[in-house]
Protein backbone atom coordinates (compact mmCIF):
# COMPACT_ATOMS: atom_id res chain seq x y z
CA MET A 1 -70.08 141.64 77.23
CA LYS A 2 -73.82 141.49 75.37
CA ILE A 3 -75.01 138.00 76.17
CA VAL A 4 -78.10 136.75 74.55
CA LEU A 5 -80.26 133.42 75.99
CA ASP A 6 -82.23 132.39 73.09
CA HIS A 7 -84.85 130.58 73.71
CA LEU A 8 -82.53 128.21 76.73
CA THR A 9 -84.18 125.33 77.89
CA LYS A 10 -82.56 122.80 80.32
CA ARG A 11 -84.83 119.21 81.02
CA PHE A 12 -82.86 116.91 83.81
CA PRO A 13 -83.88 113.27 83.82
CA ASN A 14 -86.58 112.75 87.28
CA ARG A 15 -85.20 111.15 90.17
CA ASN A 16 -87.59 109.35 90.96
CA ARG A 17 -87.17 106.22 88.36
CA LYS A 18 -90.77 105.84 88.55
CA ILE A 19 -91.91 108.84 86.39
CA LYS A 20 -90.74 108.65 83.03
CA GLU A 21 -91.66 112.76 83.44
CA GLU A 22 -88.39 115.20 82.79
CA VAL A 23 -88.07 117.83 85.63
CA VAL A 24 -87.82 121.19 83.79
CA ALA A 25 -85.19 123.45 85.94
CA VAL A 26 -85.43 126.74 82.60
CA SER A 27 -87.86 126.76 80.78
CA ASP A 28 -87.65 128.67 77.20
CA PHE A 29 -85.76 131.74 78.52
CA THR A 30 -85.26 134.36 75.77
CA PHE A 31 -83.36 137.53 77.16
CA GLU A 32 -80.68 140.31 75.91
CA ILE A 33 -78.38 141.47 79.19
CA PRO A 34 -76.63 144.69 77.42
CA ASP A 35 -72.93 145.13 77.84
CA GLY A 36 -72.05 146.62 81.49
CA THR A 37 -74.53 145.92 83.12
CA LEU A 38 -75.35 143.86 86.07
CA ILE A 39 -78.36 141.83 86.69
CA GLY A 40 -80.13 139.89 89.47
CA LEU A 41 -81.58 136.62 88.37
CA LEU A 42 -83.72 136.05 91.68
CA GLY A 43 -86.45 133.71 92.97
CA PRO A 44 -87.12 131.23 95.02
CA SER A 45 -85.23 128.01 96.11
CA GLY A 46 -85.30 125.92 93.02
CA CYS A 47 -86.81 128.17 90.54
CA GLY A 48 -83.47 128.12 88.46
CA LYS A 49 -81.16 130.42 88.79
CA SER A 50 -78.13 129.06 89.69
CA THR A 51 -79.27 126.31 86.77
CA THR A 52 -79.76 129.21 83.90
CA LEU A 53 -76.16 130.49 85.89
CA ASN A 54 -74.39 127.25 85.22
CA LEU A 55 -75.53 126.90 81.49
CA ILE A 56 -74.31 131.11 80.70
CA SER A 57 -70.92 129.58 82.06
CA GLY A 58 -70.61 126.58 80.14
CA LEU A 59 -70.46 124.36 83.24
CA GLU A 60 -74.33 123.22 82.05
CA VAL A 61 -75.76 122.00 78.07
CA PRO A 62 -79.13 123.37 77.74
CA THR A 63 -81.60 120.82 76.45
CA GLU A 64 -82.80 123.37 74.25
CA GLY A 65 -81.42 127.11 72.58
CA ARG A 66 -78.27 128.88 72.60
CA VAL A 67 -76.02 131.15 74.48
CA PHE A 68 -74.38 133.72 72.10
CA PHE A 69 -71.56 136.31 74.41
CA GLY A 70 -71.24 139.04 71.78
CA ASP A 71 -71.98 137.77 68.27
CA GLU A 72 -70.36 134.31 69.28
CA ASP A 73 -72.28 131.06 69.79
CA VAL A 74 -70.80 129.54 72.82
CA THR A 75 -73.45 126.89 72.97
CA ASP A 76 -70.86 124.11 72.49
CA LEU A 77 -67.90 125.78 74.20
CA PRO A 78 -66.10 124.25 77.27
CA PRO A 79 -66.44 127.04 80.18
CA GLU A 80 -62.26 127.78 80.12
CA LYS A 81 -63.09 128.92 76.77
CA ARG A 82 -65.54 131.67 77.49
CA GLY A 83 -64.09 133.76 79.49
CA VAL A 84 -66.02 134.54 83.12
CA GLY A 85 -65.39 134.80 85.94
CA LEU A 86 -67.27 132.37 88.34
CA VAL A 87 -67.51 133.28 92.10
CA PHE A 88 -69.59 130.14 94.38
CA GLN A 89 -71.60 130.76 97.76
CA ASN A 90 -68.87 128.22 99.28
CA TYR A 91 -65.40 130.62 98.08
CA ALA A 92 -63.98 127.42 96.84
CA LEU A 93 -60.39 129.01 98.17
CA TYR A 94 -57.02 126.44 98.60
CA PRO A 95 -56.84 126.35 101.94
CA HIS A 96 -53.00 125.50 101.47
CA MET A 97 -52.41 128.78 99.35
CA THR A 98 -52.00 132.22 100.17
CA VAL A 99 -54.26 134.97 98.80
CA LEU A 100 -51.47 135.68 96.68
CA GLU A 101 -51.54 131.99 95.32
CA ASN A 102 -55.29 131.87 95.33
CA ILE A 103 -56.13 134.41 93.26
CA MET A 104 -53.13 133.86 91.05
CA PHE A 105 -53.82 130.33 90.40
CA PRO A 106 -56.37 131.04 87.34
CA LEU A 107 -53.77 132.59 85.36
CA GLY A 108 -51.56 129.19 86.06
CA ASN A 109 -53.80 127.07 83.80
CA PHE A 110 -53.22 129.86 80.89
CA LYS A 111 -51.77 127.76 78.05
CA GLY A 112 -49.58 128.64 74.48
CA ASP A 113 -49.60 132.14 73.28
CA ASP A 114 -51.31 132.47 76.75
CA ARG A 115 -49.43 132.17 79.03
CA LEU A 116 -47.76 134.43 81.38
CA PRO A 117 -44.41 135.29 82.96
CA LYS A 118 -44.90 135.11 86.86
CA GLU A 119 -44.07 138.49 87.17
CA GLU A 120 -46.65 139.61 85.43
CA MET A 121 -49.41 136.79 87.01
CA LYS A 122 -47.76 139.01 90.19
CA LYS A 123 -49.41 142.20 88.77
CA ARG A 124 -52.22 141.67 87.84
CA ALA A 125 -52.83 139.43 91.24
CA LEU A 126 -51.83 142.90 93.14
CA GLU A 127 -54.05 145.10 90.76
CA ALA A 128 -57.26 142.60 91.56
CA ALA A 129 -56.32 142.50 94.83
CA LYS A 130 -56.83 146.14 95.51
CA LEU A 131 -59.64 146.34 93.46
CA VAL A 132 -61.18 144.58 96.13
CA GLN A 133 -59.27 146.18 98.75
CA ILE A 134 -57.65 142.97 100.28
CA ASP A 135 -53.97 143.98 98.96
CA GLY A 136 -52.82 144.22 102.54
CA LEU A 137 -52.97 140.65 102.91
CA MET A 138 -51.93 139.18 100.20
CA GLU A 139 -49.35 136.67 102.27
CA ARG A 140 -52.26 134.93 104.48
CA ARG A 141 -53.53 132.06 104.10
CA PRO A 142 -57.79 131.37 104.03
CA SER A 143 -58.23 130.44 107.60
CA GLU A 144 -56.47 133.94 108.61
CA LEU A 145 -59.26 135.68 107.21
CA SER A 146 -62.44 136.66 108.19
CA GLY A 147 -65.93 135.60 105.99
CA GLY A 148 -65.99 139.11 103.78
CA GLN A 149 -62.38 138.78 103.50
CA GLN A 150 -62.40 135.69 101.68
CA GLN A 151 -64.95 136.64 99.76
CA ARG A 152 -62.44 138.92 98.66
CA VAL A 153 -60.45 136.70 97.32
CA ALA A 154 -63.15 134.34 95.82
CA ILE A 155 -63.92 137.91 93.73
CA ALA A 156 -60.20 138.90 92.85
CA ARG A 157 -59.49 135.23 91.99
CA ALA A 158 -62.71 135.69 89.33
CA LEU A 159 -61.66 139.12 88.06
CA VAL A 160 -57.68 138.14 87.41
CA LYS A 161 -58.56 136.63 84.01
CA ARG A 162 -60.46 139.79 83.49
CA PRO A 163 -62.95 138.35 82.34
CA GLY A 164 -65.93 139.18 79.58
CA VAL A 165 -68.92 138.21 82.37
CA LEU A 166 -68.56 138.34 85.73
CA LEU A 167 -71.01 134.89 87.55
CA LEU A 168 -71.53 135.52 90.64
CA ASP A 169 -73.85 132.14 92.63
CA GLU A 170 -75.38 133.26 95.53
CA PRO A 171 -72.31 134.87 97.09
CA LEU A 172 -73.46 136.45 100.60
CA SER A 173 -75.38 134.06 101.44
CA ASN A 174 -72.50 132.82 104.36
CA LEU A 175 -72.24 136.80 105.96
CA ASP A 176 -73.60 138.32 108.42
CA ALA A 177 -76.30 140.75 108.04
CA ARG A 178 -74.00 143.62 108.36
CA LEU A 179 -70.73 142.01 105.70
CA ARG A 180 -73.95 140.78 103.72
CA LEU A 181 -74.64 145.12 103.15
CA ALA A 182 -71.20 146.01 102.90
CA THR A 183 -69.97 142.81 100.36
CA ARG A 184 -72.92 144.00 98.43
CA GLU A 185 -71.78 147.48 97.96
CA GLU A 186 -68.57 146.48 97.05
CA ILE A 187 -69.72 143.81 94.25
CA ARG A 188 -71.94 147.47 92.81
CA ARG A 189 -68.59 149.58 93.11
CA ILE A 190 -66.25 146.41 91.45
CA GLN A 191 -68.95 145.80 88.53
CA ARG A 192 -69.13 150.23 87.72
CA GLU A 193 -65.08 150.33 87.98
CA THR A 194 -64.77 147.44 85.48
CA GLY A 195 -67.90 147.53 83.28
CA ILE A 196 -67.74 143.91 83.75
CA THR A 197 -71.54 142.66 82.26
CA THR A 198 -72.00 140.39 85.73
CA ILE A 199 -74.71 138.22 86.12
CA PHE A 200 -75.64 138.04 90.28
CA VAL A 201 -77.65 135.37 91.72
CA THR A 202 -79.80 135.50 95.04
CA HIS A 203 -83.01 134.77 97.00
CA ASP A 204 -82.99 137.52 98.93
CA GLN A 205 -85.07 140.21 96.67
CA GLU A 206 -83.33 142.84 99.03
CA GLU A 207 -79.97 142.28 98.28
CA ALA A 208 -81.35 142.04 94.10
CA MET A 209 -83.36 145.35 94.13
CA SER A 210 -80.45 147.40 95.45
CA ILE A 211 -77.48 146.76 93.37
CA SER A 212 -78.98 145.42 89.80
CA ASP A 213 -79.65 147.49 87.00
CA LEU A 214 -82.20 144.77 85.68
CA ILE A 215 -83.62 141.61 87.87
CA VAL A 216 -84.89 139.28 86.17
CA VAL A 217 -87.05 137.21 88.80
CA MET A 218 -87.75 133.43 87.91
CA LYS A 219 -90.38 130.34 89.99
CA GLU A 220 -90.54 127.07 88.34
CA GLY A 221 -87.90 127.11 85.87
CA ALA A 222 -90.06 129.95 84.15
CA VAL A 223 -89.39 133.65 84.33
CA HIS A 224 -92.11 135.90 85.62
CA GLN A 225 -90.91 139.30 84.87
CA ILE A 226 -88.07 140.88 83.80
CA SER A 227 -87.05 145.11 84.48
CA LYS A 228 -86.08 147.96 86.52
CA PRO A 229 -86.17 146.91 90.11
CA GLN A 230 -87.92 149.46 91.34
CA ALA A 231 -90.26 148.82 88.19
CA VAL A 232 -91.30 145.58 89.40
CA TYR A 233 -91.98 146.48 92.89
CA ASP A 234 -94.37 149.27 92.41
CA ASP A 235 -96.08 147.54 88.61
CA PRO A 236 -95.89 144.05 88.98
CA VAL A 237 -97.31 141.76 86.30
CA ASN A 238 -98.88 138.96 89.12
CA LEU A 239 -99.26 137.76 92.69
CA PHE A 240 -96.39 135.65 92.82
CA VAL A 241 -94.30 138.66 91.41
CA ALA A 242 -96.15 141.21 94.04
CA LYS A 243 -95.41 138.72 96.72
CA PHE A 244 -91.72 137.66 96.07
CA LEU A 245 -90.66 141.38 96.23
CA GLY A 246 -91.47 143.70 99.31
CA THR A 247 -90.21 143.86 103.19
CA PRO A 248 -92.65 144.06 104.71
CA PRO A 249 -94.50 141.83 102.16
CA ILE A 250 -97.46 142.94 100.36
CA ASN A 251 -101.24 142.61 101.99
CA VAL A 252 -103.61 140.47 100.25
CA PHE A 253 -107.09 140.23 100.74
CA ARG A 254 -109.43 138.57 99.31
CA GLY A 255 -111.85 141.52 97.31
CA GLU A 256 -114.86 141.73 94.56
CA VAL A 257 -115.38 144.37 92.05
CA ARG A 258 -119.22 145.73 91.78
CA GLY A 259 -120.33 148.04 89.49
CA GLU A 260 -116.17 149.34 89.27
CA MET A 261 -116.37 149.96 92.72
CA LEU A 262 -113.60 147.50 95.26
CA PHE A 263 -115.40 146.10 97.84
CA ILE A 264 -112.77 144.55 100.68
CA GLY A 265 -115.22 142.60 103.08
CA GLU A 266 -118.64 144.90 102.89
CA GLU A 267 -117.06 148.16 102.14
CA PRO A 268 -116.00 149.91 99.12
CA VAL A 269 -112.46 151.10 99.16
CA LEU A 270 -111.55 151.90 96.15
CA PRO A 271 -112.99 153.16 92.40
CA GLU A 272 -111.92 150.62 89.54
CA PRO A 273 -112.98 151.97 86.26
CA GLY A 274 -113.25 149.53 83.83
CA VAL A 275 -113.15 146.21 85.69
CA ALA A 276 -115.39 143.63 85.31
CA ASP A 277 -117.65 142.40 88.28
CA GLY A 278 -116.46 139.33 90.23
CA GLU A 279 -113.90 138.08 92.88
CA VAL A 280 -110.54 139.61 92.83
CA THR A 281 -107.22 139.10 94.76
CA VAL A 282 -106.14 142.67 96.22
CA GLY A 283 -102.48 143.37 96.68
CA VAL A 284 -101.46 146.86 98.91
CA ARG A 285 -98.13 147.25 99.59
CA PRO A 286 -97.72 148.36 103.45
CA GLU A 287 -96.77 152.08 102.89
CA GLY A 288 -100.19 152.24 100.83
CA PHE A 289 -102.58 152.76 103.79
CA VAL A 290 -103.14 156.09 105.33
CA PRO A 291 -104.35 156.38 108.66
CA THR A 292 -107.41 158.78 108.67
CA SER A 293 -110.56 158.96 110.36
CA ASP A 294 -112.85 159.22 107.50
CA GLY A 295 -110.76 155.64 106.06
CA ALA A 296 -112.67 153.52 103.83
CA LEU A 297 -111.50 150.08 104.74
CA THR A 298 -111.81 149.24 108.88
CA CYS A 299 -109.79 146.60 110.41
CA GLY A 300 -108.83 146.01 113.91
CA LEU A 301 -105.57 147.37 115.00
CA THR A 302 -103.18 144.90 117.33
CA ARG A 303 -100.22 147.10 117.41
CA VAL A 304 -97.90 150.06 117.00
CA GLU A 305 -94.30 149.54 116.50
CA VAL A 306 -92.49 152.43 116.56
CA MET A 307 -89.42 152.22 113.91
CA GLY A 308 -88.04 155.61 114.89
CA ARG A 309 -88.44 157.65 111.70
CA ASP A 310 -91.58 155.33 110.54
CA THR A 311 -94.13 153.29 112.05
CA SER A 312 -95.30 149.84 111.48
CA ILE A 313 -99.19 149.06 112.17
CA VAL A 314 -100.52 145.39 112.81
CA PHE A 315 -103.98 145.27 111.41
CA THR A 316 -106.51 142.36 111.57
CA HIS A 317 -109.42 142.36 108.31
CA PRO A 318 -111.60 139.12 107.94
CA SER A 319 -110.42 139.09 104.23
CA LEU A 320 -106.98 139.22 104.52
CA ASP A 321 -104.86 136.52 103.80
CA GLY A 322 -102.56 134.96 106.60
CA GLU A 323 -102.83 135.97 110.44
CA GLY A 324 -101.51 139.14 110.33
CA GLY A 325 -100.94 142.34 108.18
CA ARG A 326 -98.78 145.58 108.62
CA ALA A 327 -98.83 149.09 107.50
CA ILE A 328 -96.13 151.27 107.80
CA VAL A 329 -96.33 154.86 107.74
CA GLU A 330 -94.65 158.37 109.09
CA ALA A 331 -94.42 158.56 112.82
CA GLU A 332 -97.05 161.57 112.61
CA HIS A 333 -99.78 159.43 111.21
CA ALA A 334 -100.19 156.80 113.58
CA ALA A 335 -100.02 159.11 116.20
CA GLY A 336 -102.57 158.60 119.56
CA LEU A 337 -103.62 155.27 117.68
CA GLU A 338 -104.44 152.73 120.29
CA PRO A 339 -105.34 149.03 120.21
CA GLY A 340 -109.10 149.03 118.94
CA THR A 341 -110.13 150.05 115.29
CA VAL A 342 -108.00 151.94 112.99
CA ARG A 343 -109.64 152.96 109.02
CA PHE A 344 -107.52 153.27 106.17
CA ALA A 345 -107.72 154.91 103.27
CA LEU A 346 -105.59 152.89 100.56
CA LYS A 347 -103.14 154.86 97.89
CA PRO A 348 -104.91 153.94 94.22
CA THR A 349 -100.39 153.16 93.20
CA LYS A 350 -100.02 150.80 95.84
CA THR A 351 -103.04 148.76 95.68
CA HIS A 352 -103.39 146.03 92.77
CA LEU A 353 -105.86 143.84 91.75
CA PHE A 354 -104.69 139.86 90.48
CA ASP A 355 -107.33 137.74 89.30
CA ALA A 356 -108.18 135.32 91.74
CA GLU A 357 -108.33 131.86 89.73
CA THR A 358 -104.41 133.07 88.05
CA GLY A 359 -103.21 135.33 89.67
CA GLU A 360 -102.57 137.77 86.73
CA ARG A 361 -102.47 141.56 87.23
CA ILE A 362 -105.93 143.63 86.63
CA ARG A 363 -105.39 146.81 85.01
CA ASN A 364 -108.47 149.54 85.71
CA ALA A 365 -109.16 152.06 83.10
CA SER A 366 -106.11 154.55 84.01
CA GLY A 367 -103.40 151.81 83.74
CA VAL A 368 -103.39 150.99 87.97
């Protein structure tokens, strides 16, 4: 099912009655979600991603704009008429019902010609349970299940209606780290097997990048970038996107371009052909540093942390935003480093320039 969001906007009255200006939760969101894809809606708390999901599901009515499923305008349809499956953060299982009864519950709401015999409902429930691998737990109640199992019941309940669209709102946030990893892999497997167009809301960039075909990065109701996960990471449109994606986060320096050369402090670190002179903000991904005796950037070496295959170098610099930076290098490149001073060469493809005032990306003549 293709989904089209056409200039979607949602405004709420301000909770402070003394302020007449409305709160814009979603601002002019226009995007076509291809059929059969998994989209990650990503952003910090309060950015509008859950509101966007509610607008798609019909739980919220847009202030402006339209929502289309395929070629059908569903903007004015109630949620139960849209053919969507919803999975929430808190599972919302009925504690007095068994797993089977919880999964079957949505089918009992079908009316008229859509109403199903009980045996058909059981058959569909079992199919959904097998898909999420909980078919051996059908007689248990939610209190007898782990958090991961409860989440699978919630997903099966959403799938049993055979929806055209699956909407997941922070579905993994109540799980521990290992369960989150396993469950997100299951969500991706289920989505591929069913081919259902799926929208996955999360504030966790690692979750979004690991399973999404496309990610939508939002801030304060506005869409900042839409692209494939790796493309957003490698080619951020602005400083917000660059800082939001990446673990460890991007290292941010105050810099200056003079004579098409980038300076950090008083050291010329990279040529920047075609970039006008002036102050800039410099973002360097942790993997963009190469320790070398003749490196252009001199930093204070705080400590070296061995992480197995890779090594983390924690460093300081007067032009660095924050208390310390972090470089991730292969273990052999950090051999022999001791606290004191370390010199780095910078990889051009991992070094990004941003306007010091607006935060927008600056590109040099080579497109980097």
